[in-house]
C-alpha atoms as a PDB file:
ATOM      1  CA  MET A   1     -49.705 186.604  98.106  1.00  0.00           C
ATOM      2  CA  PRO A   2     -47.488 187.382  95.073  1.00  0.00           C
ATOM      3  CA  LEU A   3     -48.071 190.593  93.161  1.00  0.00           C
ATOM      4  CA  THR A   4     -50.673 189.990  90.456  1.00  0.00           C
ATOM      5  CA  ILE A   5     -51.358 193.548  89.319  1.00  0.00           C
ATOM      6  CA  CYS A   6     -50.814 194.416  85.682  1.00  0.00           C
ATOM      7  CA  SER A   7     -48.280 197.181  86.259  1.00  0.00           C
ATOM      8  CA  VAL A   8     -45.590 196.795  88.920  1.00  0.00           C
ATOM      9  CA  LYS A   9     -43.715 199.891  90.047  1.00  0.00           C
ATOM     10  CA  LEU A  10     -40.367 199.692  91.808  1.00  0.00           C
ATOM     11  CA  ILE A  11     -38.737 202.695  93.488  1.00  0.00           C
ATOM     12  CA  ILE A  12     -35.137 202.505  94.683  1.00  0.00           C
ATOM     13  CA  GLN A  13     -34.681 204.917  97.569  1.00  0.00           C
ATOM     14  CA  ILE A  14     -31.264 206.154  98.702  1.00  0.00           C
ATOM     15  CA  PRO A  15     -30.920 208.171 101.938  1.00  0.00           C
ATOM     16  CA  CYS A  16     -28.026 210.621 101.554  1.00  0.00           C
ATOM     17  CA  TYR A  17     -25.965 212.803 103.851  1.00  0.00           C
ATOM     18  CA  ASN A  18     -22.990 214.511 102.175  1.00  0.00           C
ATOM     19  CA  GLU A  19     -22.662 211.808  99.511  1.00  0.00           C
ATOM     20  CA  ALA A  20     -21.659 213.896  96.483  1.00  0.00           C
ATOM     21  CA  GLN A  21     -18.450 211.870  96.037  1.00  0.00           C
ATOM     22  CA  THR A  22     -19.935 208.378  96.241  1.00  0.00           C
ATOM     23  CA  LEU A  23     -23.398 208.945  94.761  1.00  0.00           C
ATOM     24  CA  PRO A  24     -22.298 208.754  91.077  1.00  0.00           C
ATOM     25  CA  ASP A  25     -20.869 205.236  91.517  1.00  0.00           C
ATOM     26  CA  THR A  26     -23.952 204.128  93.459  1.00  0.00           C
ATOM     27  CA  LEU A  27     -26.355 205.373  90.788  1.00  0.00           C
ATOM     28  CA  ALA A  28     -24.217 203.977  87.976  1.00  0.00           C
ATOM     29  CA  GLY A  29     -24.541 200.486  89.438  1.00  0.00           C
ATOM     30  CA  LEU A  30     -28.342 200.523  89.641  1.00  0.00           C
ATOM     31  CA  PRO A  31     -30.298 198.501  87.066  1.00  0.00           C
ATOM     32  CA  THR A  32     -32.316 200.381  84.458  1.00  0.00           C
ATOM     33  CA  SER A  33     -34.765 197.517  83.931  1.00  0.00           C
ATOM     34  CA  ILE A  34     -35.713 194.294  85.714  1.00  0.00           C
ATOM     35  CA  PRO A  35     -37.919 191.476  84.373  1.00  0.00           C
ATOM     36  CA  GLY A  36     -41.370 191.720  85.938  1.00  0.00           C
ATOM     37  CA  ILE A  37     -41.000 195.420  86.725  1.00  0.00           C
ATOM     38  CA  ASP A  38     -42.924 197.793  84.452  1.00  0.00           C
ATOM     39  CA  CYS A  39     -41.749 201.075  86.000  1.00  0.00           C
ATOM     40  CA  LEU A  40     -38.415 201.623  87.771  1.00  0.00           C
ATOM     41  CA  GLU A  41     -37.617 204.960  89.422  1.00  0.00           C
ATOM     42  CA  THR A  42     -35.031 206.345  91.831  1.00  0.00           C
ATOM     43  CA  LEU A  43     -35.535 208.537  94.887  1.00  0.00           C
ATOM     44  CA  ILE A  44     -32.900 210.494  96.796  1.00  0.00           C
ATOM     45  CA  ILE A  45     -33.662 211.580 100.376  1.00  0.00           C
ATOM     46  CA  ASP A  46     -31.188 214.341 101.154  1.00  0.00           C
ATOM     47  CA  ASP A  47     -30.844 214.485 104.933  1.00  0.00           C
ATOM     48  CA  GLY A  48     -29.589 218.052 105.291  1.00  0.00           C
ATOM     49  CA  SER A  49     -26.387 217.608 103.265  1.00  0.00           C
ATOM     50  CA  ARG A  50     -23.910 220.479 103.238  1.00  0.00           C
ATOM     51  CA  ASP A  51     -22.166 219.440 100.016  1.00  0.00           C
ATOM     52  CA  ASP A  52     -23.372 219.118  96.405  1.00  0.00           C
ATOM     53  CA  THR A  53     -25.381 215.922  96.903  1.00  0.00           C
ATOM     54  CA  VAL A  54     -28.578 217.414  95.476  1.00  0.00           C
ATOM     55  CA  ALA A  55     -26.819 219.017  92.508  1.00  0.00           C
ATOM     56  CA  VAL A  56     -25.063 215.733  91.691  1.00  0.00           C
ATOM     57  CA  ALA A  57     -28.349 213.813  91.952  1.00  0.00           C
ATOM     58  CA  LYS A  58     -30.071 216.241  89.574  1.00  0.00           C
ATOM     59  CA  SER A  59     -27.218 216.091  87.080  1.00  0.00           C
ATOM     60  CA  LEU A  60     -27.380 212.287  87.058  1.00  0.00           C
ATOM     61  CA  GLY A  61     -31.100 212.209  86.252  1.00  0.00           C
ATOM     62  CA  VAL A  62     -32.557 210.978  89.550  1.00  0.00           C
ATOM     63  CA  ASP A  63     -36.348 210.787  89.204  1.00  0.00           C
ATOM     64  CA  HIS A  64     -37.295 212.174  92.628  1.00  0.00           C
ATOM     65  CA  ILE A  65     -35.441 214.225  95.254  1.00  0.00           C
ATOM     66  CA  ILE A  66     -36.731 215.041  98.738  1.00  0.00           C
ATOM     67  CA  CYS A  67     -34.736 217.316 101.046  1.00  0.00           C
ATOM     68  CA  HIS A  68     -34.707 217.628 104.820  1.00  0.00           C
ATOM     69  CA  PRO A  69     -33.848 221.212 105.825  1.00  0.00           C
ATOM     70  CA  GLN A  70     -31.475 219.815 108.468  1.00  0.00           C
ATOM     71  CA  ASN A  71     -29.992 216.473 109.411  1.00  0.00           C
ATOM     72  CA  ARG A  72     -32.590 214.250 111.099  1.00  0.00           C
ATOM     73  CA  GLY A  73     -30.707 210.967 111.120  1.00  0.00           C
ATOM     74  CA  LEU A  74     -30.770 207.870 108.951  1.00  0.00           C
ATOM     75  CA  ALA A  75     -33.919 206.404 110.502  1.00  0.00           C
ATOM     76  CA  GLN A  76     -36.001 209.512 109.779  1.00  0.00           C
ATOM     77  CA  ALA A  77     -34.611 209.771 106.248  1.00  0.00           C
ATOM     78  CA  PHE A  78     -35.615 206.145 105.691  1.00  0.00           C
ATOM     79  CA  GLN A  79     -39.159 206.812 106.962  1.00  0.00           C
ATOM     80  CA  THR A  80     -39.451 209.899 104.755  1.00  0.00           C
ATOM     81  CA  GLY A  81     -38.492 207.734 101.803  1.00  0.00           C
ATOM     82  CA  LEU A  82     -41.062 205.038 102.608  1.00  0.00           C
ATOM     83  CA  ASP A  83     -43.857 207.597 102.912  1.00  0.00           C
ATOM     84  CA  ALA A  84     -42.843 209.280  99.661  1.00  0.00           C
ATOM     85  CA  CYS A  85     -42.612 205.980  97.771  1.00  0.00           C
ATOM     86  CA  LEU A  86     -46.116 205.049  98.915  1.00  0.00           C
ATOM     87  CA  ARG A  87     -47.488 208.386  97.695  1.00  0.00           C
ATOM     88  CA  MET A  88     -45.773 207.817  94.352  1.00  0.00           C
ATOM     89  CA  GLY A  89     -47.540 204.477  93.950  1.00  0.00           C
ATOM     90  CA  ALA A  90     -44.635 202.088  94.555  1.00  0.00           C
ATOM     91  CA  ASP A  91     -45.519 198.406  94.751  1.00  0.00           C
ATOM     92  CA  ILE A  92     -41.987 197.452  95.822  1.00  0.00           C
ATOM     93  CA  ILE A  93     -39.472 199.691  97.596  1.00  0.00           C
ATOM     94  CA  VAL A  94     -35.759 198.916  97.628  1.00  0.00           C
ATOM     95  CA  ASN A  95     -33.537 200.713 100.116  1.00  0.00           C
ATOM     96  CA  THR A  96     -29.802 200.932  99.507  1.00  0.00           C
ATOM     97  CA  ASP A  97     -26.925 203.021 100.861  1.00  0.00           C
ATOM     98  CA  ALA A  98     -25.381 205.963  99.028  1.00  0.00           C
ATOM     99  CA  ASP A  99     -21.812 204.868  99.806  1.00  0.00           C
ATOM    100  CA  ASN A 100     -21.995 202.117  97.148  1.00  0.00           C
ATOM    101  CA  GLN A 101     -21.612 199.371  99.757  1.00  0.00           C
ATOM    102  CA  TYR A 102     -24.279 197.233  98.073  1.00  0.00           C
ATOM    103  CA  PRO A 103     -23.847 196.349  94.370  1.00  0.00           C
ATOM    104  CA  GLY A 104     -26.938 197.343  92.391  1.00  0.00           C
ATOM    105  CA  ARG A 105     -26.819 194.127  90.357  1.00  0.00           C
ATOM    106  CA  PHE A 106     -28.291 192.266  93.355  1.00  0.00           C
ATOM    107  CA  ILE A 107     -31.508 194.307  93.329  1.00  0.00           C
ATOM    108  CA  ALA A 108     -33.064 191.877  90.842  1.00  0.00           C
ATOM    109  CA  ASP A 109     -32.398 188.997  93.267  1.00  0.00           C
ATOM    110  CA  LEU A 110     -33.589 191.063  96.212  1.00  0.00           C
ATOM    111  CA  ILE A 111     -37.065 191.770  94.847  1.00  0.00           C
ATOM    112  CA  GLN A 112     -37.859 188.278  93.509  1.00  0.00           C
ATOM    113  CA  PRO A 113     -39.353 186.938  96.796  1.00  0.00           C
ATOM    114  CA  VAL A 114     -41.593 190.021  97.012  1.00  0.00           C
ATOM    115  CA  LEU A 115     -42.550 189.879  93.351  1.00  0.00           C
ATOM    116  CA  HIS A 116     -43.269 186.159  93.028  1.00  0.00           C
ATOM    117  CA  ASP A 117     -43.676 184.725  96.550  1.00  0.00           C
ATOM    118  CA  GLY A 118     -45.511 187.522  98.349  1.00  0.00           C
ATOM    119  CA  VAL A 119     -42.780 188.022 100.967  1.00  0.00           C
ATOM    120  CA  ASP A 120     -43.132 191.290 102.883  1.00  0.00           C
ATOM    121  CA  ILE A 121     -39.461 192.116 103.551  1.00  0.00           C
ATOM    122  CA  VAL A 122     -36.303 190.775 101.916  1.00  0.00           C
ATOM    123  CA  ILE A 123     -32.901 191.509 103.447  1.00  0.00           C
ATOM    124  CA  GLY A 124     -29.579 191.171 101.694  1.00  0.00           C
ATOM    125  CA  ASN A 125     -27.342 188.836 103.680  1.00  0.00           C
ATOM    126  CA  ARG A 126     -23.793 190.191 103.416  1.00  0.00           C
ATOM    127  CA  GLN A 127     -22.361 186.879 104.713  1.00  0.00           C
ATOM    128  CA  VAL A 128     -20.087 188.722 107.132  1.00  0.00           C
ATOM    129  CA  ASP A 129     -17.623 185.821 107.450  1.00  0.00           C
ATOM    130  CA  GLY A 130     -16.499 186.530 103.897  1.00  0.00           C
ATOM    131  CA  ILE A 131     -16.103 190.317 104.201  1.00  0.00           C
ATOM    132  CA  ALA A 132     -12.358 190.952 104.083  1.00  0.00           C
ATOM    133  CA  HIS A 133     -12.397 194.447 105.583  1.00  0.00           C
ATOM    134  CA  PHE A 134     -14.334 193.307 108.678  1.00  0.00           C
ATOM    135  CA  SER A 135     -12.068 192.500 111.620  1.00  0.00           C
ATOM    136  CA  PRO A 136     -12.698 189.277 113.594  1.00  0.00           C
ATOM    137  CA  VAL A 137     -14.081 191.383 116.458  1.00  0.00           C
ATOM    138  CA  LYS A 138     -16.507 193.187 114.176  1.00  0.00           C
ATOM    139  CA  LYS A 139     -17.630 189.912 112.610  1.00  0.00           C
ATOM    140  CA  GLY A 140     -18.263 188.513 116.072  1.00  0.00           C
ATOM    141  CA  LEU A 141     -20.225 191.583 117.140  1.00  0.00           C
ATOM    142  CA  GLN A 142     -22.297 191.490 113.954  1.00  0.00           C
ATOM    143  CA  LYS A 143     -23.198 187.857 114.606  1.00  0.00           C
ATOM    144  CA  LEU A 144     -23.996 188.567 118.261  1.00  0.00           C
ATOM    145  CA  GLY A 145     -26.197 191.515 117.334  1.00  0.00           C
ATOM    146  CA  SER A 146     -28.057 189.488 114.714  1.00  0.00           C
ATOM    147  CA  TRP A 147     -28.608 186.677 117.226  1.00  0.00           C
ATOM    148  CA  MET A 148     -30.043 189.146 119.738  1.00  0.00           C
ATOM    149  CA  VAL A 149     -32.392 190.587 117.110  1.00  0.00           C
ATOM    150  CA  ARG A 150     -33.523 187.094 116.082  1.00  0.00           C
ATOM    151  CA  THR A 151     -34.221 186.252 119.723  1.00  0.00           C
ATOM    152  CA  VAL A 152     -36.150 189.449 120.399  1.00  0.00           C
ATOM    153  CA  SER A 153     -38.093 189.522 117.120  1.00  0.00           C
ATOM    154  CA  GLY A 154     -38.768 185.815 116.667  1.00  0.00           C
ATOM    155  CA  THR A 155     -37.394 185.942 113.125  1.00  0.00           C
ATOM    156  CA  ALA A 156     -34.545 184.108 111.370  1.00  0.00           C
ATOM    157  CA  VAL A 157     -32.578 187.029 109.898  1.00  0.00           C
ATOM    158  CA  PRO A 158     -28.851 186.143 109.626  1.00  0.00           C
ATOM    159  CA  ASP A 159     -27.656 189.722 108.966  1.00  0.00           C
ATOM    160  CA  ALA A 160     -29.789 192.154 110.939  1.00  0.00           C
ATOM    161  CA  ALA A 161     -27.585 195.204 110.305  1.00  0.00           C
ATOM    162  CA  SER A 162     -27.800 195.003 106.514  1.00  0.00           C
ATOM    163  CA  GLY A 163     -29.477 198.078 105.021  1.00  0.00           C
ATOM    164  CA  PHE A 164     -29.953 196.516 101.577  1.00  0.00           C
ATOM    165  CA  ARG A 165     -33.639 195.617 101.625  1.00  0.00           C
ATOM    166  CA  ALA A 166     -36.814 195.271  99.602  1.00  0.00           C
ATOM    167  CA  TYR A 167     -40.241 196.060 101.061  1.00  0.00           C
ATOM    168  CA  SER A 168     -43.661 195.241  99.734  1.00  0.00           C
ATOM    169  CA  ARG A 169     -46.259 198.004  99.698  1.00  0.00           C
ATOM    170  CA  GLU A 170     -48.100 196.277 102.547  1.00  0.00           C
ATOM    171  CA  ALA A 171     -44.965 196.180 104.719  1.00  0.00           C
ATOM    172  CA  ALA A 172     -44.201 199.849 104.020  1.00  0.00           C
ATOM    173  CA  LEU A 173     -47.733 200.770 105.063  1.00  0.00           C
ATOM    174  CA  ARG A 174     -47.418 198.971 108.381  1.00  0.00           C
ATOM    175  CA  LEU A 175     -43.928 200.040 109.441  1.00  0.00           C
ATOM    176  CA  ASN A 176     -43.462 203.171 111.556  1.00  0.00           C
ATOM    177  CA  ILE A 177     -39.929 204.101 112.609  1.00  0.00           C
ATOM    178  CA  LEU A 178     -39.611 205.591 116.081  1.00  0.00           C
ATOM    179  CA  SER A 179     -35.842 205.773 116.616  1.00  0.00           C
ATOM    180  CA  ARG A 180     -33.364 208.279 115.158  1.00  0.00           C
ATOM    181  CA  TYR A 181     -30.176 206.211 115.084  1.00  0.00           C
ATOM    182  CA  SER A 182     -30.982 203.500 112.536  1.00  0.00           C
ATOM    183  CA  TYR A 183     -33.963 201.699 111.041  1.00  0.00           C
ATOM    184  CA  THR A 184     -32.316 198.309 110.440  1.00  0.00           C
ATOM    185  CA  LEU A 185     -32.938 196.669 113.803  1.00  0.00           C
ATOM    186  CA  GLU A 186     -36.257 198.379 114.496  1.00  0.00           C
ATOM    187  CA  THR A 187     -37.885 197.294 111.251  1.00  0.00           C
ATOM    188  CA  ILE A 188     -36.969 193.643 111.878  1.00  0.00           C
ATOM    189  CA  ILE A 189     -38.266 193.643 115.452  1.00  0.00           C
ATOM    190  CA  GLN A 190     -41.383 195.542 114.419  1.00  0.00           C
ATOM    191  CA  ALA A 191     -41.991 193.206 111.474  1.00  0.00           C
ATOM    192  CA  GLY A 192     -41.609 190.173 113.715  1.00  0.00           C
ATOM    193  CA  LYS A 193     -44.147 191.503 116.199  1.00  0.00           C
ATOM    194  CA  LEU A 194     -46.551 192.433 113.371  1.00  0.00           C
ATOM    195  CA  GLY A 195     -46.311 188.970 111.811  1.00  0.00           C
ATOM    196  CA  LEU A 196     -44.789 190.167 108.523  1.00  0.00           C
ATOM    197  CA  SER A 197     -42.855 187.601 106.500  1.00  0.00           C
ATOM    198  CA  ILE A 198     -39.092 188.125 106.175  1.00  0.00           C
ATOM    199  CA  LYS A 199     -36.606 186.385 103.905  1.00  0.00           C
ATOM    200  CA  SER A 200     -32.884 186.810 103.306  1.00  0.00           C
ATOM    201  CA  VAL A 201     -30.939 186.433 100.058  1.00  0.00           C
ATOM    202  CA  PRO A 202     -27.139 186.169  99.808  1.00  0.00           C
ATOM    203  CA  ILE A 203     -25.317 189.187  98.389  1.00  0.00           C
ATOM    204  CA  GLU A 204     -21.782 190.511  98.108  1.00  0.00           C
ATOM    205  CA  THR A 205     -20.492 193.928  99.132  1.00  0.00           C
ATOM    206  CA  ASN A 206     -18.156 196.443  97.567  1.00  0.00           C
ATOM    207  CA  ALA A 207     -15.010 197.675  99.280  1.00  0.00           C
ATOM    208  CA  PRO A 208     -15.644 200.602 101.667  1.00  0.00           C
ATOM    209  CA  THR A 209     -15.390 204.074 100.140  1.00  0.00           C
ATOM    210  CA  ARG A 210     -15.369 205.998 103.440  1.00  0.00           C
ATOM    211  CA  PRO A 211     -15.612 205.384 107.201  1.00  0.00           C
ATOM    212  CA  SER A 212     -19.079 204.638 108.552  1.00  0.00           C
ATOM    213  CA  ARG A 213     -20.959 207.681 109.822  1.00  0.00           C
ATOM    214  CA  LEU A 214     -23.148 205.584 112.093  1.00  0.00           C
ATOM    215  CA  GLN A 215     -20.212 203.962 113.904  1.00  0.00           C
ATOM    216  CA  ARG A 216     -17.714 206.458 115.300  1.00  0.00           C
ATOM    217  CA  ASN A 217     -15.874 203.600 116.992  1.00  0.00           C
ATOM    218  CA  MET A 218     -16.481 200.055 118.187  1.00  0.00           C
ATOM    219  CA  TRP A 219     -17.728 201.148 121.623  1.00  0.00           C
ATOM    220  CA  HIS A 220     -20.212 203.568 120.067  1.00  0.00           C
ATOM    221  CA  PHE A 221     -21.482 200.774 117.790  1.00  0.00           C
ATOM    222  CA  ILE A 222     -21.962 198.344 120.693  1.00  0.00           C
ATOM    223  CA  LYS A 223     -23.674 200.930 122.880  1.00  0.00           C
ATOM    224  CA  ALA A 224     -26.006 202.161 120.143  1.00  0.00           C
ATOM    225  CA  GLN A 225     -27.019 198.703 118.930  1.00  0.00           C
ATOM    226  CA  ALA A 226     -27.484 197.245 122.425  1.00  0.00           C
ATOM    227  CA  SER A 227     -29.531 200.203 123.654  1.00  0.00           C
ATOM    228  CA  THR A 228     -31.715 200.048 120.536  1.00  0.00           C
ATOM    229  CA  ILE A 229     -32.412 196.332 121.002  1.00  0.00           C
ATOM    230  CA  MET A 230     -33.188 196.695 124.722  1.00  0.00           C
ATOM    231  CA  ARG A 231     -35.418 199.727 124.174  1.00  0.00           C
ATOM    232  CA  LEU A 232     -37.378 198.034 121.413  1.00  0.00           C
ATOM    233  CA  TYR A 233     -37.739 194.822 123.420  1.00  0.00           C
ATOM    234  CA  ALA A 234     -39.143 196.815 126.342  1.00  0.00           C
ATOM    235  CA  PHE A 235     -41.414 198.691 123.939  1.00  0.00           C
ATOM    236  CA  TYR A 236     -42.931 195.573 122.371  1.00  0.00           C
ATOM    237  CA  GLU A 237     -42.711 193.235 125.410  1.00  0.00           C
ATOM    238  CA  PRO A 238     -43.293 195.535 128.420  1.00  0.00           C
ATOM    239  CA  LEU A 239     -44.850 193.003 130.795  1.00  0.00           C
ATOM    240  CA  ARG A 240     -42.108 190.448 130.212  1.00  0.00           C
ATOM    241  CA  THR A 241     -39.430 193.134 130.585  1.00  0.00           C
ATOM    242  CA  PHE A 242     -40.805 194.440 133.884  1.00  0.00           C
ATOM    243  CA  SER A 243     -41.287 190.862 135.103  1.00  0.00           C
ATOM    244  CA  TYR A 244     -37.583 190.182 134.562  1.00  0.00           C
ATOM    245  CA  ILE A 245     -36.740 193.351 136.521  1.00  0.00           C
ATOM    246  CA  ALA A 246     -39.168 192.508 139.339  1.00  0.00           C
ATOM    247  CA  ALA A 247     -38.091 188.875 139.716  1.00  0.00           C
ATOM    248  CA  PRO A 248     -34.810 189.482 141.684  1.00  0.00           C
ATOM    249  CA  PHE A 249     -36.555 191.775 144.174  1.00  0.00           C
ATOM    250  CA  LEU A 250     -39.382 189.299 144.706  1.00  0.00           C
ATOM    251  CA  LEU A 251     -37.077 186.291 145.065  1.00  0.00           C
ATOM    252  CA  VAL A 252     -34.650 187.968 147.471  1.00  0.00           C
ATOM    253  CA  GLY A 253     -37.544 189.440 149.472  1.00  0.00           C
ATOM    254  CA  LEU A 254     -39.207 186.020 149.701  1.00  0.00           C
ATOM    255  CA  GLY A 255     -35.890 184.506 150.760  1.00  0.00           C
ATOM    256  CA  ALA A 256     -35.588 187.054 153.585  1.00  0.00           C
ATOM    257  CA  TRP A 257     -39.094 186.186 154.783  1.00  0.00           C
ATOM    258  CA  LEU A 258     -38.319 182.455 154.701  1.00  0.00           C
ATOM    259  CA  ARG A 259     -35.153 183.110 156.699  1.00  0.00           C
ATOM    260  CA  PHE A 260     -37.184 184.806 159.435  1.00  0.00           C
ATOM    261  CA  PHE A 261     -39.846 182.096 159.589  1.00  0.00           C
ATOM    262  CA  TYR A 262     -37.182 179.396 159.659  1.00  0.00           C
ATOM    263  CA  PHE A 263     -35.564 180.838 162.770  1.00  0.00           C
ATOM    264  CA  TYR A 264     -38.935 181.695 164.271  1.00  0.00           C
ATOM    265  CA  TYR A 265     -40.439 178.208 164.034  1.00  0.00           C
ATOM    266  CA  THR A 266     -37.234 176.409 164.957  1.00  0.00           C
ATOM    267  CA  ARG A 267     -37.055 178.620 168.075  1.00  0.00           C
ATOM    268  CA  GLN A 268     -33.545 179.723 167.239  1.00  0.00           C
ATOM    269  CA  ASN A 269     -33.681 183.299 168.508  1.00  0.00           C
ATOM    270  CA  PRO A 270     -37.231 183.889 167.064  1.00  0.00           C
ATOM    271  CA  THR A 271     -37.229 187.661 167.719  1.00  0.00           C
ATOM    272  CA  GLY A 272     -33.646 188.349 166.693  1.00  0.00           C
ATOM    273  CA  HIS A 273     -34.185 188.301 162.939  1.00  0.00           C
ATOM    274  CA  ILE A 274     -36.938 190.878 162.594  1.00  0.00           C
ATOM    275  CA  GLN A 275     -34.725 192.786 160.137  1.00  0.00           C
ATOM    276  CA  SER A 276     -35.337 189.969 157.629  1.00  0.00           C
ATOM    277  CA  ILE A 277     -39.048 190.790 157.647  1.00  0.00           C
ATOM    278  CA  THR A 278     -38.320 194.514 157.234  1.00  0.00           C
ATOM    279  CA  ILE A 279     -35.872 194.074 154.367  1.00  0.00           C
ATOM    280  CA  GLY A 280     -37.924 191.344 152.745  1.00  0.00           C
ATOM    281  CA  SER A 281     -41.108 193.414 152.866  1.00  0.00           C
ATOM    282  CA  GLY A 282     -39.337 196.359 151.246  1.00  0.00           C
ATOM    283  CA  LEU A 283     -37.932 194.201 148.446  1.00  0.00           C
ATOM    284  CA  ILE A 284     -41.261 192.487 147.796  1.00  0.00           C
ATOM    285  CA  LEU A 285     -42.970 195.898 147.698  1.00  0.00           C
ATOM    286  CA  VAL A 286     -40.461 197.109 145.075  1.00  0.00           C
ATOM    287  CA  GLY A 287     -41.071 193.954 143.030  1.00  0.00           C
ATOM    288  CA  VAL A 288     -44.846 194.314 143.182  1.00  0.00           C
ATOM    289  CA  ILE A 289     -44.696 197.992 142.181  1.00  0.00           C
ATOM    290  CA  THR A 290     -42.431 197.062 139.259  1.00  0.00           C
ATOM    291  CA  LEU A 291     -44.933 194.416 138.148  1.00  0.00           C
ATOM    292  CA  ILE A 292     -47.727 196.975 138.334  1.00  0.00           C
ATOM    293  CA  PHE A 293     -45.711 199.246 136.043  1.00  0.00           C
ATOM    294  CA  GLY A 294     -45.359 196.309 133.662  1.00  0.00           C
ATOM    295  CA  ILE A 295     -49.119 195.672 133.660  1.00  0.00           C
ATOM    296  CA  GLN A 296     -49.781 199.362 132.960  1.00  0.00           C
ATOM    297  CA  ALA A 297     -47.206 199.354 130.158  1.00  0.00           C
ATOM    298  CA  ASP A 298     -48.773 196.209 128.693  1.00  0.00           C
ATOM    299  CA  ILE A 299     -52.192 197.867 128.673  1.00  0.00           C
ATOM    300  CA  ALA A 300     -50.652 200.903 126.973  1.00  0.00           C
ATOM    301  CA  GLY A 301     -49.093 198.506 124.453  1.00  0.00           C
ATOM    302  CA  LYS A 302     -52.528 197.185 123.516  1.00  0.00           C
ATOM    303  CA  HIS A 303     -53.685 200.745 122.907  1.00  0.00           C
ATOM    304  CA  ARG A 304     -50.566 201.279 120.774  1.00  0.00           C
ATOM    305  CA  GLN A 305     -51.516 198.271 118.658  1.00  0.00           C
ATOM    306  CA  LEU A 306     -54.965 199.749 118.093  1.00  0.00           C
ATOM    307  CA  THR A 307     -53.350 203.071 117.154  1.00  0.00           C
ATOM    308  CA  GLN A 308     -51.012 201.323 114.698  1.00  0.00           C
ATOM    309  CA  GLU A 309     -53.944 199.548 113.057  1.00  0.00           C
ATOM    310  CA  THR A 310     -55.869 202.826 112.831  1.00  0.00           C
ATOM    311  CA  LEU A 311     -52.853 204.578 111.304  1.00  0.00           C
ATOM    312  CA  TYR A 312     -52.452 201.733 108.798  1.00  0.00           C
ATOM    313  CA  ARG A 313     -56.083 202.042 107.706  1.00  0.00           C
ATOM    314  CA  LEU A 314     -55.839 205.841 107.479  1.00  0.00           C
ATOM    315  CA  LYS A 315     -52.740 205.561 105.283  1.00  0.00           C
ATOM    316  CA  LYS A 316     -54.534 203.166 102.941  1.00  0.00           C
ATOM    317  CA  MET A 317     -57.551 205.445 102.725  1.00  0.00           C
ATOM    318  CA  GLU A 318     -55.448 208.543 102.053  1.00  0.00           C
ATOM    319  CA  LEU A 319     -53.407 206.814  99.370  1.00  0.00           C
ATOM    320  CA  ALA A 320     -56.543 205.401  97.747  1.00  0.00           C
ATOM    321  CA  GLU A 321     -58.127 208.856  97.657  1.00  0.00           C
ATOM    322  CA  ALA A 322     -54.946 210.368  96.227  1.00  0.00           C
ATOM    323  CA  ALA A 323     -54.849 207.678  93.519  1.00  0.00           C
ATOM    324  CA  LYS A 324     -58.468 208.455  92.572  1.00  0.00           C
ATOM    325  CA  GLU A 325     -57.695 212.164  92.213  1.00  0.00           C
ATOM    326  CA  LYS A 326     -54.803 211.423  89.839  1.00  0.00           C
ATOM    327  CA  ARG A 327     -56.934 209.353  87.497  1.00  0.00           C
ATOM    328  CA  PRO A 328     -58.097 211.194  84.357  1.00  0.00           C
END
């Protein structure tokens, strides 16, 4: 459902870690007003910076600043921002990077599907084929990673790694970030499993102002992204994951049993292949135990879903009570 309330509040949140040099350009590019938005505010989440990030933010008139006493990682800074925006009464939350990668002029385009079409999450599609500073290898890896996320999440997001996003209040209430590395992949997979609507809009990017702090090198990027996708897939699809692991053991074990029975019933040395029964039984036992783990994990997953729903309802109740207390 599109937003139909009389006053629409948008908060632009910017997670920061030692961004004193790039923050002024990022803030300068943000819009000061957008049609359909009655209140527009900015929020800086300082993730334990050791430079003058906070001082620069204050001098530039940022509306809200939240500080982590030490670095907790981008994912936790993002979650801190979501929770804070909800407490401040945001109807739409836009997340952008402090390195000025995403031009602020696209924020108006980014929020339109949330504002008018009731979309839960909108992701800026960087159109990686057209990014000049991306090498062919990096473009290929970005496409591969996005394909894997689409497959796991059941969504149609063309640029899964993009951090330029708009969230409805409902989506922000339902999302809970568990990883430390990055929120980009987890929120898509989680949204897909929760049945939240996702849309992408084309955007452009600015030239890089500094090396990425999330990607020390290409190998680190591949390892971090792949491990995140596999961990989240196992988290949300435990029975299917354990079934895939159990299948080779069960098939090979069954094949060993069939080998024994073949020689036994054809009278070709019927007692000389007893090792097939021994090995096959061991493999089948491993496969069955693995399946049992999957069933237990699936049951735990159902309890997790109940916990998520309870947490969602508690958040709504707490925010509603807080809103009542603020009313004159």
